């Protein structure tokens, strides 16, 4: 069954998010003060780890084997979000 899942992200250089294999990233936005990632998933697929990286504007980045998801503003900060390719 295909559905949309939401994943809360933390601020930090790198984090692992477990999501069903083949998950398609849709968008990243701030909801109730938290950065959230929405993905279209096939919920019966086995979970796999994906690396999510969050970089602030002006900070060094490393994005090899990662795809850009989007940019969000939270308070006075601007964050740029990347996710590992499967």
PDB file of N, CA and C in Angstrom:
ATOM      1  N   UNK A   1       0.839  -1.182   0.000  1.00  0.00           N
ATOM      2  CA  UNK A   1       0.000   0.000   0.000  1.00  0.00           C
ATOM      3  C   UNK A   1       0.884   1.246   0.000  1.00  0.00           C
ATOM      4  N   UNK A   2       0.618   2.156  -0.887  1.00  0.00           N
ATOM      5  CA  UNK A   2       1.362   3.409  -0.952  1.00  0.00           C
ATOM      6  C   UNK A   2       0.692   4.434  -0.051  1.00  0.00           C
ATOM      7  N   UNK A   3       1.512   5.109   0.734  1.00  0.00           N
ATOM      8  CA  UNK A   3       1.013   6.131   1.641  1.00  0.00           C
ATOM      9  C   UNK A   3       2.093   7.189   1.828  1.00  0.00           C
ATOM     10  N   UNK A   4       1.785   8.234   2.563  1.00  0.00           N
ATOM     11  CA  UNK A   4       2.763   9.282   2.848  1.00  0.00           C
ATOM     12  C   UNK A   4       3.114   9.216   4.325  1.00  0.00           C
ATOM     13  N   UNK A   5       4.415   9.161   4.619  1.00  0.00           N
ATOM     14  CA  UNK A   5       4.921   9.160   5.987  1.00  0.00           C
ATOM     15  C   UNK A   5       5.628  10.476   6.245  1.00  0.00           C
ATOM     16  N   UNK A   6       5.595  10.875   7.515  1.00  0.00           N
ATOM     17  CA  UNK A   6       6.304  12.082   7.952  1.00  0.00           C
ATOM     18  C   UNK A   6       7.418  11.660   8.901  1.00  0.00           C
ATOM     19  N   UNK A   7       8.586  12.268   8.737  1.00  0.00           N
ATOM     20  CA  UNK A   7       9.741  11.998   9.583  1.00  0.00           C
ATOM     21  C   UNK A   7      10.226  13.316  10.176  1.00  0.00           C
ATOM     22  N   UNK A   8      10.301  13.398  11.499  1.00  0.00           N
ATOM     23  CA  UNK A   8      10.837  14.587  12.166  1.00  0.00           C
ATOM     24  C   UNK A   8      12.360  14.521  12.102  1.00  0.00           C
ATOM     25  N   UNK A   9      12.987  15.627  11.743  1.00  0.00           N
ATOM     26  CA  UNK A   9      14.445  15.700  11.640  1.00  0.00           C
ATOM     27  C   UNK A   9      14.999  16.557  12.763  1.00  0.00           C
ATOM     28  N   UNK A  10      16.217  16.252  13.162  1.00  0.00           N
ATOM     29  CA  UNK A  10      16.886  17.085  14.152  1.00  0.00           C
ATOM     30  C   UNK A  10      17.948  17.927  13.444  1.00  0.00           C
ATOM     31  N   UNK A  11      18.361  18.990  14.106  1.00  0.00           N
ATOM     32  CA  UNK A  11      19.416  19.828  13.570  1.00  0.00           C
ATOM     33  C   UNK A  11      20.738  19.142  13.899  1.00  0.00           C
ATOM     34  N   UNK A  12      21.531  18.907  12.909  1.00  0.00           N
ATOM     35  CA  UNK A  12      22.815  18.249  13.101  1.00  0.00           C
ATOM     36  C   UNK A  12      23.377  17.891  11.742  1.00  0.00           C
ATOM     37  N   UNK A  13      24.661  17.669  11.707  1.00  0.00           N
ATOM     38  CA  UNK A  13      25.294  17.393  10.423  1.00  0.00           C
ATOM     39  C   UNK A  13      24.721  16.173   9.728  1.00  0.00           C
ATOM     40  N   UNK A  14      24.435  15.107  10.512  1.00  0.00           N
ATOM     41  CA  UNK A  14      24.050  13.845   9.879  1.00  0.00           C
ATOM     42  C   UNK A  14      23.181  13.031  10.824  1.00  0.00           C
ATOM     43  N   UNK A  15      22.174  12.347  10.279  1.00  0.00           N
ATOM     44  CA  UNK A  15      21.321  11.457  11.055  1.00  0.00           C
ATOM     45  C   UNK A  15      20.810  10.340  10.171  1.00  0.00           C
ATOM     46  N   UNK A  16      20.518   9.205  10.774  1.00  0.00           N
ATOM     47  CA  UNK A  16      19.941   8.074  10.044  1.00  0.00           C
ATOM     48  C   UNK A  16      18.437   8.095  10.217  1.00  0.00           C
ATOM     49  N   UNK A  17      17.738   7.916   9.111  1.00  0.00           N
ATOM     50  CA  UNK A  17      16.276   7.810   9.137  1.00  0.00           C
ATOM     51  C   UNK A  17      15.932   6.481   8.469  1.00  0.00           C
ATOM     52  N   UNK A  18      15.199   5.638   9.169  1.00  0.00           N
ATOM     53  CA  UNK A  18      14.786   4.358   8.607  1.00  0.00           C
ATOM     54  C   UNK A  18      13.434   4.533   7.946  1.00  0.00           C
ATOM     55  N   UNK A  19      13.371   4.198   6.657  1.00  0.00           N
ATOM     56  CA  UNK A  19      12.123   4.326   5.899  1.00  0.00           C
ATOM     57  C   UNK A  19      12.012   3.138   4.954  1.00  0.00           C
ATOM     58  N   UNK A  20      10.787   2.811   4.526  1.00  0.00           N
ATOM     59  CA  UNK A  20      10.624   1.672   3.621  1.00  0.00           C
ATOM     60  C   UNK A  20      11.470   1.840   2.355  1.00  0.00           C
ATOM     61  N   UNK A  21      12.050   0.734   1.927  1.00  0.00           N
ATOM     62  CA  UNK A  21      12.879   0.727   0.720  1.00  0.00           C
ATOM     63  C   UNK A  21      12.105   1.322  -0.446  1.00  0.00           C
ATOM     64  N   UNK A  22      12.777   2.169  -1.229  1.00  0.00           N
ATOM     65  CA  UNK A  22      12.149   2.798  -2.383  1.00  0.00           C
ATOM     66  C   UNK A  22      11.378   4.065  -2.062  1.00  0.00           C
ATOM     67  N   UNK A  23      11.474   4.560  -0.833  1.00  0.00           N
ATOM     68  CA  UNK A  23      10.746   5.771  -0.442  1.00  0.00           C
ATOM     69  C   UNK A  23      11.111   6.934  -1.367  1.00  0.00           C
ATOM     70  N   UNK A  24      10.109   7.687  -1.756  1.00  0.00           N
ATOM     71  CA  UNK A  24      10.298   8.848  -2.630  1.00  0.00           C
ATOM     72  C   UNK A  24      10.118  10.114  -1.798  1.00  0.00           C
ATOM     73  N   UNK A  25      11.157  10.942  -1.702  1.00  0.00           N
ATOM     74  CA  UNK A  25      11.040  12.170  -0.926  1.00  0.00           C
ATOM     75  C   UNK A  25      10.138  13.163  -1.649  1.00  0.00           C
ATOM     76  N   UNK A  26       9.255  13.789  -0.888  1.00  0.00           N
ATOM     77  CA  UNK A  26       8.313  14.742  -1.461  1.00  0.00           C
ATOM     78  C   UNK A  26       8.689  16.184  -1.123  1.00  0.00           C
ATOM     79  N   UNK A  27       8.873  16.461   0.174  1.00  0.00           N
ATOM     80  CA  UNK A  27       9.211  17.829   0.575  1.00  0.00           C
ATOM     81  C   UNK A  27       9.713  17.848   2.008  1.00  0.00           C
ATOM     82  N   UNK A  28      10.287  18.961   2.357  1.00  0.00           N
ATOM     83  CA  UNK A  28      10.719  19.218   3.730  1.00  0.00           C
ATOM     84  C   UNK A  28      10.199  20.599   4.097  1.00  0.00           C
ATOM     85  N   UNK A  29       9.601  20.703   5.298  1.00  0.00           N
ATOM     86  CA  UNK A  29       9.034  21.962   5.765  1.00  0.00           C
ATOM     87  C   UNK A  29       9.128  22.008   7.283  1.00  0.00           C
ATOM     88  N   UNK A  30       8.889  23.177   7.841  1.00  0.00           N
ATOM     89  CA  UNK A  30       8.810  23.313   9.288  1.00  0.00           C
ATOM     90  C   UNK A  30       7.339  23.198   9.682  1.00  0.00           C
ATOM     91  N   UNK A  31       7.068  22.304  10.655  1.00  0.00           N
ATOM     92  CA  UNK A  31       5.712  22.131  11.184  1.00  0.00           C
ATOM     93  C   UNK A  31       5.800  22.219  12.704  1.00  0.00           C
ATOM     94  N   UNK A  32       5.063  23.127  13.291  1.00  0.00           N
ATOM     95  CA  UNK A  32       5.056  23.315  14.745  1.00  0.00           C
ATOM     96  C   UNK A  32       6.466  23.490  15.306  1.00  0.00           C
ATOM     97  N   UNK A  33       7.326  24.191  14.573  1.00  0.00           N
ATOM     98  CA  UNK A  33       8.674  24.485  15.032  1.00  0.00           C
ATOM     99  C   UNK A  33       9.698  23.394  14.788  1.00  0.00           C
ATOM    100  N   UNK A  34       9.292  22.280  14.158  1.00  0.00           N
ATOM    101  CA  UNK A  34      10.199  21.170  13.896  1.00  0.00           C
ATOM    102  C   UNK A  34      10.360  20.957  12.393  1.00  0.00           C
ATOM    103  N   UNK A  35      11.578  20.609  11.974  1.00  0.00           N
ATOM    104  CA  UNK A  35      11.804  20.295  10.570  1.00  0.00           C
ATOM    105  C   UNK A  35      11.270  18.890  10.313  1.00  0.00           C
ATOM    106  N   UNK A  36      10.416  18.758   9.297  1.00  0.00           N
ATOM    107  CA  UNK A  36       9.807  17.475   8.959  1.00  0.00           C
ATOM    108  C   UNK A  36      10.020  17.164   7.487  1.00  0.00           C
ATOM    109  N   UNK A  37      10.188  15.873   7.226  1.00  0.00           N
ATOM    110  CA  UNK A  37      10.376  15.357   5.878  1.00  0.00           C
ATOM    111  C   UNK A  37       9.197  14.464   5.548  1.00  0.00           C
ATOM    112  N   UNK A  38       8.580  14.674   4.393  1.00  0.00           N
ATOM    113  CA  UNK A  38       7.481  13.823   3.951  1.00  0.00           C
ATOM    114  C   UNK A  38       7.939  12.979   2.780  1.00  0.00           C
ATOM    115  N   UNK A  39       7.597  11.685   2.832  1.00  0.00           N
ATOM    116  CA  UNK A  39       7.989  10.738   1.797  1.00  0.00           C
ATOM    117  C   UNK A  39       6.797   9.888   1.387  1.00  0.00           C
ATOM    118  N   UNK A  40       6.741   9.566   0.106  1.00  0.00           N
ATOM    119  CA  UNK A  40       5.762   8.604  -0.400  1.00  0.00           C
ATOM    120  C   UNK A  40       6.423   7.233  -0.287  1.00  0.00           C
ATOM    121  N   UNK A  41       5.748   6.304   0.385  1.00  0.00           N
ATOM    122  CA  UNK A  41       6.347   5.000   0.651  1.00  0.00           C
ATOM    123  C   UNK A  41       5.369   3.876   0.327  1.00  0.00           C
ATOM    124  N   UNK A  42       5.931   2.713   0.081  1.00  0.00           N
ATOM    125  CA  UNK A  42       5.157   1.474   0.025  1.00  0.00           C
ATOM    126  C   UNK A  42       5.386   0.833   1.390  1.00  0.00           C
ATOM    127  N   UNK A  43       4.370   0.902   2.239  1.00  0.00           N
ATOM    128  CA  UNK A  43       4.549   0.573   3.654  1.00  0.00           C
ATOM    129  C   UNK A  43       4.940  -0.875   3.918  1.00  0.00           C
ATOM    130  N   UNK A  44       4.711  -1.791   2.980  1.00  0.00           N
ATOM    131  CA  UNK A  44       5.088  -3.194   3.196  1.00  0.00           C
ATOM    132  C   UNK A  44       6.553  -3.467   2.854  1.00  0.00           C
ATOM    133  N   UNK A  45       7.238  -2.506   2.234  1.00  0.00           N
ATOM    134  CA  UNK A  45       8.656  -2.687   1.913  1.00  0.00           C
ATOM    135  C   UNK A  45       9.479  -2.684   3.204  1.00  0.00           C
ATOM    136  N   UNK A  46      10.593  -3.429   3.227  1.00  0.00           N
ATOM    137  CA  UNK A  46      11.419  -3.466   4.432  1.00  0.00           C
ATOM    138  C   UNK A  46      12.092  -2.109   4.670  1.00  0.00           C
ATOM    139  N   UNK A  47      12.271  -1.743   5.945  1.00  0.00           N
ATOM    140  CA  UNK A  47      12.930  -0.461   6.234  1.00  0.00           C
ATOM    141  C   UNK A  47      14.413  -0.515   5.919  1.00  0.00           C
ATOM    142  N   UNK A  48      14.913   0.593   5.396  1.00  0.00           N
ATOM    143  CA  UNK A  48      16.336   0.740   5.109  1.00  0.00           C
ATOM    144  C   UNK A  48      16.798   2.081   5.686  1.00  0.00           C
ATOM    145  N   UNK A  49      18.075   2.152   6.090  1.00  0.00           N
ATOM    146  CA  UNK A  49      18.572   3.426   6.618  1.00  0.00           C
ATOM    147  C   UNK A  49      18.919   4.387   5.485  1.00  0.00           C
ATOM    148  N   UNK A  50      18.516   5.636   5.650  1.00  0.00           N
ATOM    149  CA  UNK A  50      18.918   6.704   4.729  1.00  0.00           C
ATOM    150  C   UNK A  50      19.586   7.778   5.578  1.00  0.00           C
ATOM    151  N   UNK A  51      20.651   8.334   5.076  1.00  0.00           N
ATOM    152  CA  UNK A  51      21.356   9.392   5.787  1.00  0.00           C
ATOM    153  C   UNK A  51      20.780  10.734   5.364  1.00  0.00           C
ATOM    154  N   UNK A  52      20.413  11.537   6.351  1.00  0.00           N
ATOM    155  CA  UNK A  52      19.924  12.887   6.092  1.00  0.00           C
ATOM    156  C   UNK A  52      20.950  13.858   6.661  1.00  0.00           C
ATOM    157  N   UNK A  53      21.312  14.835   5.866  1.00  0.00           N
ATOM    158  CA  UNK A  53      22.271  15.856   6.293  1.00  0.00           C
ATOM    159  C   UNK A  53      21.602  17.222   6.291  1.00  0.00           C
ATOM    160  N   UNK A  54      21.857  17.982   7.345  1.00  0.00           N
ATOM    161  CA  UNK A  54      21.272  19.308   7.517  1.00  0.00           C
ATOM    162  C   UNK A  54      22.419  20.301   7.644  1.00  0.00           C
ATOM    163  N   UNK A  55      22.472  21.264   6.732  1.00  0.00           N
ATOM    164  CA  UNK A  55      23.548  22.251   6.725  1.00  0.00           C
ATOM    165  C   UNK A  55      22.972  23.656   6.853  1.00  0.00           C
ATOM    166  N   UNK A  56      23.603  24.467   7.662  1.00  0.00           N
ATOM    167  CA  UNK A  56      23.223  25.869   7.770  1.00  0.00           C
ATOM    168  C   UNK A  56      23.868  26.680   6.660  1.00  0.00           C
ATOM    169  N   UNK A  57      23.232  27.766   6.305  1.00  0.00           N
ATOM    170  CA  UNK A  57      23.800  28.666   5.304  1.00  0.00           C
ATOM    171  C   UNK A  57      25.173  29.147   5.782  1.00  0.00           C
ATOM    172  N   UNK A  58      26.156  29.094   4.887  1.00  0.00           N
ATOM    173  CA  UNK A  58      27.501  29.541   5.196  1.00  0.00           C
ATOM    174  C   UNK A  58      28.385  28.483   5.831  1.00  0.00           C
ATOM    175  N   UNK A  59      27.831  27.310   6.131  1.00  0.00           N
ATOM    176  CA  UNK A  59      28.616  26.227   6.723  1.00  0.00           C
ATOM    177  C   UNK A  59      29.177  25.343   5.621  1.00  0.00           C
ATOM    178  N   UNK A  60      30.329  24.709   5.845  1.00  0.00           N
ATOM    179  CA  UNK A  60      30.857  23.763   4.859  1.00  0.00           C
ATOM    180  C   UNK A  60      29.892  22.588   4.682  1.00  0.00           C
ATOM    181  N   UNK A  61      29.805  22.079   3.464  1.00  0.00           N
ATOM    182  CA  UNK A  61      28.917  20.947   3.204  1.00  0.00           C
ATOM    183  C   UNK A  61      29.685  19.825   2.516  1.00  0.00           C
ATOM    184  N   UNK A  62      29.175  18.627   2.670  1.00  0.00           N
ATOM    185  CA  UNK A  62      29.659  17.464   1.917  1.00  0.00           C
ATOM    186  C   UNK A  62      28.423  16.674   1.537  1.00  0.00           C
ATOM    187  N   UNK A  63      28.235  16.506   0.236  1.00  0.00           N
ATOM    188  CA  UNK A  63      26.975  15.950  -0.259  1.00  0.00           C
ATOM    189  C   UNK A  63      27.167  14.826  -1.260  1.00  0.00           C
ATOM    190  N   UNK A  64      28.390  14.274  -1.362  1.00  0.00           N
ATOM    191  CA  UNK A  64      28.604  13.188  -2.306  1.00  0.00           C
ATOM    192  C   UNK A  64      27.596  12.074  -2.015  1.00  0.00           C
ATOM    193  N   UNK A  65      27.008  11.530  -3.069  1.00  0.00           N
ATOM    194  CA  UNK A  65      25.999  10.463  -2.985  1.00  0.00           C
ATOM    195  C   UNK A  65      24.752  10.902  -2.230  1.00  0.00           C
ATOM    196  N   UNK A  66      24.479  12.198  -2.201  1.00  0.00           N
ATOM    197  CA  UNK A  66      23.270  12.725  -1.571  1.00  0.00           C
ATOM    198  C   UNK A  66      22.537  13.631  -2.567  1.00  0.00           C
ATOM    199  N   UNK A  67      21.217  13.690  -2.414  1.00  0.00           N
ATOM    200  CA  UNK A  67      20.395  14.552  -3.265  1.00  0.00           C
ATOM    201  C   UNK A  67      19.767  15.653  -2.423  1.00  0.00           C
ATOM    202  N   UNK A  68      19.701  16.821  -2.990  1.00  0.00           N
ATOM    203  CA  UNK A  68      19.084  17.979  -2.326  1.00  0.00           C
ATOM    204  C   UNK A  68      17.581  17.757  -2.224  1.00  0.00           C
ATOM    205  N   UNK A  69      17.026  18.008  -1.025  1.00  0.00           N
ATOM    206  CA  UNK A  69      15.577  17.896  -0.816  1.00  0.00           C
ATOM    207  C   UNK A  69      14.929  19.272  -0.819  1.00  0.00           C
ATOM    208  N   UNK A  70      15.502  20.184  -0.042  1.00  0.00           N
ATOM    209  CA  UNK A  70      14.902  21.505   0.039  1.00  0.00           C
ATOM    210  C   UNK A  70      15.571  22.357   1.103  1.00  0.00           C
ATOM    211  N   UNK A  71      15.084  23.578   1.226  1.00  0.00           N
ATOM    212  CA  UNK A  71      15.581  24.549   2.191  1.00  0.00           C
ATOM    213  C   UNK A  71      14.411  25.000   3.050  1.00  0.00           C
ATOM    214  N   UNK A  72      14.651  25.119   4.361  1.00  0.00           N
ATOM    215  CA  UNK A  72      13.614  25.584   5.277  1.00  0.00           C
ATOM    216  C   UNK A  72      14.174  26.700   6.139  1.00  0.00           C
ATOM    217  N   UNK A  73      13.274  27.549   6.624  1.00  0.00           N
ATOM    218  CA  UNK A  73      13.648  28.598   7.562  1.00  0.00           C
ATOM    219  C   UNK A  73      13.015  28.268   8.901  1.00  0.00           C
ATOM    220  N   UNK A  74      13.831  28.367   9.953  1.00  0.00           N
ATOM    221  CA  UNK A  74      13.362  28.054  11.298  1.00  0.00           C
ATOM    222  C   UNK A  74      13.911  29.125  12.230  1.00  0.00           C
ATOM    223  N   UNK A  75      13.020  29.973  12.733  1.00  0.00           N
ATOM    224  CA  UNK A  75      13.483  31.105  13.526  1.00  0.00           C
ATOM    225  C   UNK A  75      14.348  31.991  12.655  1.00  0.00           C
ATOM    226  N   UNK A  76      15.543  32.317  13.114  1.00  0.00           N
ATOM    227  CA  UNK A  76      16.454  33.134  12.324  1.00  0.00           C
ATOM    228  C   UNK A  76      17.439  32.314  11.513  1.00  0.00           C
ATOM    229  N   UNK A  77      17.231  31.006  11.411  1.00  0.00           N
ATOM    230  CA  UNK A  77      18.169  30.126  10.722  1.00  0.00           C
ATOM    231  C   UNK A  77      17.594  29.617   9.404  1.00  0.00           C
ATOM    232  N   UNK A  78      18.491  29.324   8.471  1.00  0.00           N
ATOM    233  CA  UNK A  78      18.109  28.717   7.196  1.00  0.00           C
ATOM    234  C   UNK A  78      18.884  27.415   7.067  1.00  0.00           C
ATOM    235  N   UNK A  79      18.156  26.303   6.851  1.00  0.00           N
ATOM    236  CA  UNK A  79      18.740  24.965   6.777  1.00  0.00           C
ATOM    237  C   UNK A  79      18.529  24.374   5.394  1.00  0.00           C
ATOM    238  N   UNK A  80      19.543  23.667   4.904  1.00  0.00           N
ATOM    239  CA  UNK A  80      19.515  23.046   3.591  1.00  0.00           C
ATOM    240  C   UNK A  80      19.617  21.538   3.815  1.00  0.00           C
ATOM    241  N   UNK A  81      18.671  20.785   3.284  1.00  0.00           N
ATOM    242  CA  UNK A  81      18.508  19.367   3.611  1.00  0.00           C
ATOM    243  C   UNK A  81      18.863  18.500   2.402  1.00  0.00           C
ATOM    244  N   UNK A  82      19.672  17.472   2.662  1.00  0.00           N
ATOM    245  CA  UNK A  82      20.087  16.486   1.648  1.00  0.00           C
ATOM    246  C   UNK A  82      19.808  15.090   2.181  1.00  0.00           C
ATOM    247  N   UNK A  83      19.514  14.128   1.276  1.00  0.00           N
ATOM    248  CA  UNK A  83      19.279  12.750   1.683  1.00  0.00           C
ATOM    249  C   UNK A  83      20.135  11.822   0.818  1.00  0.00           C
ATOM    250  N   UNK A  84      20.582  10.733   1.440  1.00  0.00           N
ATOM    251  CA  UNK A  84      21.431   9.782   0.711  1.00  0.00           C
ATOM    252  C   UNK A  84      20.637   9.122  -0.404  1.00  0.00           C
ATOM    253  N   UNK A  85      21.335   8.861  -1.498  1.00  0.00           N
ATOM    254  CA  UNK A  85      20.741   8.127  -2.609  1.00  0.00           C
ATOM    255  C   UNK A  85      20.657   6.665  -2.197  1.00  0.00           C
ATOM    256  N   UNK A  86      19.667   5.968  -2.713  1.00  0.00           N
ATOM    257  CA  UNK A  86      19.522   4.548  -2.378  1.00  0.00           C
ATOM    258  C   UNK A  86      20.472   3.722  -3.168  1.00  0.00           C
TER     259      UNK A  86
END
